[in-house]
Amino acid sequence: MRILGIDPGSVVCGYGVIDVEGSHLRLVEYGVIAVKRRTASFPERLNEIHSRLTAVITRTNPTECAMEKVFYAKNVLSIVQLAHARGVAMLCCAQAGHAPFEYTPMQVKRSVTGRGAADKEQVQHMVRAILEIDETPQFFDATDALAVAICHAVNGKPPAPGKRGGATSKRQAWAEFVKANPDKVRKP
């Protein structure tokens, strides 16, 4: 199975594609679709997201798509623009014959790190460990999209609220993160 994970945004839209073979996850491709806020109108930005995400789908040919749900925005305009960008991403998936699965940020974080309140650095560390990525992705949006794909691979469908997952490799990678970043861990 090949999964496309999408972290939608109206300025930066992250994407990540993984292959799932049994319990093994393999990185195919990841990146961001960054559009220029000041030089392009909002409809032009949406059009660029559509064309570039469609190209990713055509190039990678995923069998399933997953994306992050809208959860919070600082103001009404931000949430409306994010909703439009999500709609464009959903349209791209639908045009390829896929109804995207949706996951909350907490479900994604819990699936990847074992903790629903993990920060972006913890998610990035775990994604790199799970997919054996040597370099550090430039943008958290790409890492978040890969995390969405991993979440879908682990769950196969949106998990029920409160459901927890946990593989031994995730615990080992989490232990490595804690050891390497003691300043980011809150002591009880």
Protein backbone atom coordinates (compact mmCIF):
# COMPACT_ATOMS: atom_id res chain seq x y z
CA MET A 1 0.00 0.00 0.00
CA ARG A 2 1.24 3.50 -0.80
CA ILE A 3 -0.01 6.35 1.41
CA LEU A 4 0.05 10.06 0.67
CA GLY A 5 -0.03 12.18 3.83
CA ILE A 6 -0.98 15.84 3.52
CA ASP A 7 -0.51 18.70 5.98
CA PRO A 8 -2.67 21.30 4.24
CA GLY A 9 -1.90 25.00 4.32
CA SER A 10 -2.69 28.03 2.17
CA VAL A 11 0.94 29.19 2.09
CA VAL A 12 2.88 25.97 2.78
CA CYS A 13 1.28 22.59 2.09
CA GLY A 14 3.36 19.62 3.24
CA TYR A 15 3.19 16.20 1.63
CA GLY A 16 4.80 12.86 2.32
CA VAL A 17 4.50 9.50 0.59
CA ILE A 18 5.35 6.16 2.19
CA ASP A 19 5.07 2.52 1.18
CA VAL A 20 3.72 0.02 3.68
CA GLU A 21 4.88 -3.58 3.29
CA GLY A 22 3.63 -5.62 6.25
CA SER A 23 4.96 -3.82 9.30
CA HIS A 24 7.75 -2.10 7.36
CA LEU A 25 7.36 1.55 6.36
CA ARG A 26 9.53 2.92 3.56
CA LEU A 27 9.93 6.56 2.55
CA VAL A 28 9.08 7.31 -1.07
CA GLU A 29 9.08 11.11 -1.23
CA TYR A 30 8.37 14.21 0.85
CA GLY A 31 8.35 17.94 0.39
CA VAL A 32 6.37 21.14 0.58
CA ILE A 33 4.35 23.18 -1.84
CA ALA A 34 5.28 26.74 -0.88
CA VAL A 35 3.35 29.53 -2.56
CA LYS A 36 4.17 33.21 -2.42
CA ARG A 37 1.70 35.05 -0.23
CA ARG A 38 2.56 38.59 -1.35
CA THR A 39 2.97 38.06 -5.10
CA ALA A 40 -0.02 35.79 -5.73
CA SER A 41 -3.69 36.32 -5.02
CA PHE A 42 -5.45 33.79 -2.82
CA PRO A 43 -7.19 32.08 -5.78
CA GLU A 44 -3.83 31.87 -7.60
CA ARG A 45 -2.25 30.26 -4.52
CA LEU A 46 -5.06 27.70 -4.36
CA ASN A 47 -4.63 26.97 -8.06
CA GLU A 48 -0.89 26.43 -7.60
CA ILE A 49 -1.50 24.08 -4.65
CA HIS A 50 -3.98 22.16 -6.81
CA SER A 51 -1.67 21.78 -9.78
CA ARG A 52 1.42 20.88 -7.75
CA LEU A 53 -0.39 18.44 -5.44
CA THR A 54 -2.03 16.83 -8.47
CA ALA A 55 1.46 16.39 -9.94
CA VAL A 56 2.63 14.69 -6.73
CA ILE A 57 -0.36 12.33 -6.84
CA THR A 58 0.23 11.55 -10.53
CA ARG A 59 3.95 10.97 -9.98
CA THR A 60 3.67 8.80 -6.84
CA ASN A 61 0.32 7.05 -7.52
CA PRO A 62 -0.81 6.52 -3.89
CA THR A 63 -3.43 3.89 -3.07
CA GLU A 64 -4.71 5.88 -0.06
CA CYS A 65 -4.60 9.49 1.12
CA ALA A 66 -4.74 10.92 4.63
CA MET A 67 -4.72 14.48 5.90
CA GLU A 68 -4.80 16.46 9.10
CA LYS A 69 -8.11 17.92 10.25
CA VAL A 70 -8.60 21.62 10.91
CA PHE A 71 -8.10 22.14 14.60
CA TYR A 72 -7.39 25.76 15.51
CA ALA A 73 -6.43 29.08 14.00
CA LYS A 74 -5.47 32.42 15.48
CA ASN A 75 -8.17 34.31 13.63
CA VAL A 76 -11.21 33.75 11.43
CA LEU A 77 -9.42 34.63 8.18
CA SER A 78 -6.70 32.03 8.91
CA ILE A 79 -9.23 29.26 9.54
CA VAL A 80 -11.20 30.15 6.39
CA GLN A 81 -8.06 30.16 4.23
CA LEU A 82 -6.91 26.87 5.78
CA ALA A 83 -10.34 25.37 5.10
CA HIS A 84 -10.07 26.44 1.45
CA ALA A 85 -6.61 24.85 1.17
CA ARG A 86 -7.94 21.64 2.74
CA GLY A 87 -10.77 21.67 0.22
CA VAL A 88 -8.28 21.93 -2.64
CA ALA A 89 -6.24 19.04 -1.20
CA MET A 90 -9.41 16.96 -0.82
CA LEU A 91 -10.36 17.77 -4.42
CA CYS A 92 -6.95 16.59 -5.65
CA CYS A 93 -7.41 13.31 -3.79
CA ALA A 94 -11.00 12.91 -5.02
CA GLN A 95 -9.96 13.54 -8.62
CA ALA A 96 -7.47 10.67 -8.22
CA GLY A 97 -10.26 8.43 -6.90
CA HIS A 98 -9.41 8.63 -3.19
CA ALA A 99 -11.50 9.88 -0.30
CA PRO A 100 -8.86 11.09 2.17
CA PHE A 101 -8.91 9.77 5.72
CA GLU A 102 -8.77 12.57 8.29
CA TYR A 103 -6.92 12.60 11.60
CA THR A 104 -6.75 15.17 14.37
CA PRO A 105 -3.31 16.55 15.29
CA MET A 106 -3.58 14.68 18.62
CA GLN A 107 -4.27 11.36 16.85
CA VAL A 108 -1.27 11.91 14.56
CA LYS A 109 1.07 12.82 17.42
CA ARG A 110 -0.11 9.89 19.53
CA SER A 111 0.40 7.43 16.66
CA VAL A 112 3.93 8.65 15.95
CA THR A 113 5.27 9.53 19.41
CA GLY A 114 2.91 7.76 21.79
CA ARG A 115 1.92 11.14 23.25
CA GLY A 116 -0.86 13.37 21.92
CA ALA A 117 0.73 16.55 23.25
CA ALA A 118 4.15 16.05 21.63
CA ASP A 119 5.82 19.12 20.14
CA LYS A 120 6.97 19.48 16.54
CA GLU A 121 10.58 18.58 17.35
CA GLN A 122 9.49 15.30 18.96
CA VAL A 123 7.28 14.45 15.98
CA GLN A 124 10.12 15.26 13.57
CA HIS A 125 12.56 13.11 15.56
CA MET A 126 10.19 10.13 15.56
CA VAL A 127 9.35 10.45 11.86
CA ARG A 128 13.08 10.48 11.07
CA ALA A 129 13.62 7.41 13.29
CA ILE A 130 10.65 5.43 11.96
CA LEU A 131 11.42 6.13 8.29
CA GLU A 132 15.21 6.07 8.75
CA ILE A 133 15.68 9.55 7.30
CA ASP A 134 19.25 10.80 7.67
CA GLU A 135 18.72 14.45 6.74
CA THR A 136 16.50 16.86 8.61
CA PRO A 137 13.57 18.06 6.50
CA GLN A 138 13.72 21.85 6.09
CA PHE A 139 10.09 22.37 6.96
CA PHE A 140 7.98 20.90 9.76
CA ASP A 141 5.10 20.80 7.26
CA ALA A 142 6.82 17.94 5.37
CA THR A 143 7.49 16.09 8.62
CA ASP A 144 3.88 16.61 9.72
CA ALA A 145 2.63 15.20 6.40
CA LEU A 146 4.83 12.12 6.83
CA ALA A 147 3.47 11.79 10.38
CA VAL A 148 -0.07 11.79 8.96
CA ALA A 149 0.91 9.01 6.54
CA ILE A 150 2.49 7.01 9.38
CA CYS A 151 -0.62 7.54 11.50
CA HIS A 152 -2.76 6.10 8.72
CA ALA A 153 -0.36 3.18 8.21
CA VAL A 154 -0.49 2.35 11.92
CA ASN A 155 -4.24 2.76 12.31
CA GLY A 156 -5.63 1.94 8.88
CA LYS A 157 -8.50 4.26 9.69
CA PRO A 158 -8.99 7.15 12.07
CA PRO A 159 -8.51 5.71 15.57
CA ALA A 160 -11.31 5.93 18.08
CA PRO A 161 -10.82 8.80 20.56
CA GLY A 162 -8.59 7.71 23.40
CA LYS A 163 -7.15 4.69 21.52
CA ARG A 164 -3.40 4.38 21.91
CA GLY A 165 -0.85 2.60 19.75
CA GLY A 166 2.70 1.65 20.61
CA ALA A 167 5.37 -0.35 18.89
CA THR A 168 8.66 -1.26 20.53
CA SER A 169 10.63 0.68 17.90
CA LYS A 170 8.62 3.81 18.76
CA ARG A 171 9.49 3.41 22.44
CA GLN A 172 13.17 2.95 21.60
CA ALA A 173 13.21 6.01 19.36
CA TRP A 174 11.37 8.01 22.03
CA ALA A 175 13.96 6.95 24.61
CA GLU A 176 16.70 8.13 22.23
CA PHE A 177 14.95 11.49 21.82
CA VAL A 178 14.65 11.94 25.60
CA LYS A 179 18.31 11.08 26.08
CA ALA A 180 19.43 13.47 23.33
CA ASN A 181 17.10 16.31 24.41
CA PRO A 182 16.85 16.35 28.22
CA ASP A 183 15.99 20.07 28.18
CA LYS A 184 12.76 19.33 26.27
CA VAL A 185 11.48 16.79 28.82
CA ARG A 186 9.43 17.98 31.77
CA LYS A 187 10.32 16.25 35.02
CA PRO A 188 7.42 15.18 37.28
